[in-house]
Protein backbone atom coordinates (compact mmCIF):
# COMPACT_ATOMS: atom_id res chain seq x y z
CA MET A 1 47.52 -14.99 -92.79
CA THR A 2 44.12 -15.82 -91.15
CA GLN A 3 43.95 -17.24 -87.84
CA ASN A 4 41.33 -20.16 -87.19
CA THR A 5 39.98 -20.04 -84.04
CA PRO A 6 38.76 -23.41 -82.88
CA VAL A 7 35.05 -23.82 -82.43
CA PRO A 8 34.07 -24.69 -78.93
CA ALA A 9 32.66 -28.28 -78.47
CA PRO A 10 28.62 -28.23 -77.83
CA ALA A 11 27.53 -28.67 -74.54
CA PRO A 12 26.60 -32.41 -73.82
CA ARG A 13 22.69 -33.06 -74.20
CA PRO A 14 21.06 -33.93 -71.17
CA LEU A 15 19.87 -37.44 -71.06
CA SER A 16 16.10 -38.29 -71.45
CA ARG A 17 14.31 -39.48 -68.18
CA SER A 18 14.17 -43.19 -69.49
CA ASP A 19 17.86 -43.16 -70.46
CA GLU A 20 18.56 -41.82 -66.90
CA ARG A 21 16.70 -44.77 -65.60
CA LEU A 22 18.63 -47.25 -67.62
CA TRP A 23 22.22 -45.80 -66.83
CA ALA A 24 21.18 -45.71 -63.23
CA ILE A 25 20.01 -49.09 -63.13
CA PHE A 26 23.21 -50.25 -64.95
CA ALA A 27 25.37 -48.52 -62.52
CA HIS A 28 24.16 -50.64 -59.77
CA VAL A 29 23.65 -53.92 -61.59
CA GLY A 30 26.62 -53.80 -63.90
CA PRO A 31 29.13 -54.48 -61.17
CA LEU A 32 27.33 -57.93 -60.54
CA VAL A 33 28.05 -58.81 -64.14
CA LEU A 34 31.63 -57.71 -64.07
CA ALA A 35 32.36 -59.24 -60.63
CA ALA A 36 30.92 -62.49 -61.63
CA LEU A 37 33.47 -62.48 -64.60
CA SER A 38 36.42 -61.65 -62.34
CA VAL A 39 36.03 -63.08 -58.91
CA GLY A 40 34.76 -59.62 -57.70
CA LEU A 41 37.89 -57.63 -58.72
CA LEU A 42 36.28 -55.72 -61.71
CA GLY A 43 32.94 -54.74 -60.34
CA VAL A 44 34.11 -51.29 -59.72
CA LEU A 45 34.67 -50.38 -63.39
CA ALA A 46 30.92 -50.26 -64.40
CA PRO A 47 29.94 -47.50 -62.02
CA LEU A 48 33.42 -45.75 -62.59
CA VAL A 49 33.03 -45.45 -66.31
CA ILE A 50 29.37 -44.50 -66.06
CA TRP A 51 30.32 -41.74 -63.91
CA LEU A 52 33.00 -40.32 -65.71
CA VAL A 53 31.28 -40.41 -68.95
CA LEU A 54 27.68 -39.24 -68.02
CA ARG A 55 28.15 -37.09 -64.95
CA ASP A 56 27.96 -33.88 -67.03
CA ARG A 57 24.71 -35.19 -68.66
CA SER A 58 22.80 -36.16 -65.73
CA ALA A 59 22.92 -35.17 -62.13
CA TYR A 60 20.79 -38.18 -61.14
CA VAL A 61 23.04 -40.70 -63.06
CA ALA A 62 26.12 -39.16 -61.47
CA GLU A 63 24.77 -39.38 -58.04
CA GLN A 64 23.74 -43.05 -58.47
CA ALA A 65 26.82 -44.14 -60.26
CA LYS A 66 28.96 -42.30 -57.53
CA GLU A 67 26.98 -44.23 -54.94
CA ALA A 68 27.34 -47.40 -56.58
CA LEU A 69 31.27 -46.81 -57.14
CA ASN A 70 31.64 -45.89 -53.42
CA PHE A 71 30.05 -49.25 -52.45
CA GLN A 72 31.88 -51.13 -55.00
CA ILE A 73 35.34 -49.93 -53.58
CA GLY A 74 34.35 -51.22 -50.37
CA VAL A 75 33.23 -54.38 -51.80
CA LEU A 76 36.63 -54.65 -53.50
CA LEU A 77 38.58 -54.03 -50.48
CA ALA A 78 36.56 -56.57 -48.50
CA THR A 79 37.23 -59.11 -51.37
CA VAL A 80 40.89 -58.55 -51.44
CA VAL A 81 41.04 -59.06 -47.71
CA GLY A 82 39.00 -62.29 -48.02
CA LEU A 83 41.00 -63.72 -50.88
CA PHE A 84 44.26 -63.19 -48.87
CA LEU A 85 42.77 -64.65 -45.75
CA ARG A 86 41.79 -67.41 -47.78
CA ASN A 87 44.50 -68.16 -50.30
CA VAL A 88 47.50 -67.02 -48.24
CA LEU A 89 46.90 -67.04 -44.75
CA GLY A 90 44.86 -70.25 -45.07
CA HIS A 91 48.03 -72.08 -45.98
CA VAL A 92 49.81 -71.17 -42.79
CA PRO A 93 50.39 -74.44 -40.75
CA LEU A 94 48.34 -75.35 -37.79
CA ILE A 95 46.16 -72.27 -37.77
CA GLY A 96 45.71 -71.85 -41.60
CA TRP A 97 42.29 -73.57 -41.57
CA LEU A 98 40.90 -70.66 -39.21
CA PHE A 99 42.15 -68.11 -41.83
CA GLY A 100 40.79 -69.97 -44.65
CA ALA A 101 37.35 -70.50 -43.11
CA THR A 102 37.33 -66.89 -42.14
CA GLY A 103 38.22 -65.89 -45.79
CA TRP A 104 35.47 -68.05 -47.14
CA VAL A 105 32.80 -66.74 -44.59
CA LEU A 106 33.86 -63.13 -45.49
CA LEU A 107 33.79 -63.58 -49.18
CA THR A 108 30.30 -65.44 -48.94
CA VAL A 109 28.84 -62.66 -46.81
CA VAL A 110 30.18 -59.64 -48.84
CA TRP A 111 29.16 -61.36 -52.23
CA LEU A 112 25.73 -62.25 -50.96
CA GLY A 113 25.25 -58.73 -49.57
CA ALA A 114 26.52 -56.96 -52.68
CA LEU A 115 24.04 -58.90 -54.80
CA VAL A 116 21.05 -58.17 -52.34
CA LEU A 117 22.06 -54.40 -52.04
CA ALA A 118 22.50 -54.03 -55.69
CA ILE A 119 19.26 -55.42 -56.44
CA LEU A 120 17.46 -53.38 -54.06
CA ALA A 121 19.50 -50.23 -55.45
CA ALA A 122 18.30 -51.10 -59.03
CA VAL A 123 14.51 -51.67 -57.76
CA ALA A 124 14.81 -48.10 -55.99
CA VAL A 125 16.46 -46.51 -58.92
CA ASN A 126 13.68 -47.77 -61.46
CA ARG A 127 11.21 -45.77 -59.33
CA PHE A 128 13.77 -42.58 -59.27
CA GLU A 129 14.40 -42.99 -55.91
CA HIS A 130 17.62 -41.61 -54.29
CA TYR A 131 19.23 -44.95 -53.35
CA ARG A 132 22.20 -44.97 -50.75
CA TYR A 133 24.00 -47.95 -49.66
CA PRO A 134 24.21 -48.83 -45.96
CA LEU A 135 27.84 -49.29 -44.56
CA SER A 136 29.31 -47.69 -47.66
CA LEU A 137 32.62 -46.00 -47.80
CA ARG A 138 32.34 -42.46 -49.29
CA LEU A 139 35.54 -41.96 -50.85
CA VAL A 140 34.52 -40.38 -54.02
CA ARG A 141 32.32 -37.22 -53.41
């Protein structure tokens, strides 16, 4: 009776410099595409998947995907608050219009801010700079 020892999996190959740039850009721009398809609720998935899959292959991609993930978590939380204000509290008699208007303003500011900051991040990452979002929650370390 022979015992077969499992062969360990090979170490993941590091990404090329051009692949690093591509995945880092997609970590910042991917949420815009997913958010547009889901009223802002799925934007967190692109950087999460990129971070989970590629964090062992590139420190730069891991850093940028984590940065985008942290920012998108904040965008998701603000979007949920804005949708709650607009869709739930916006129907309260007498003062609902105030909640509804506040929700609309919050959603508009958050989505326009996310769009502008994601584009700035993609441009910075294209130059291999280390981009950090302002006002970002640092939940994933």
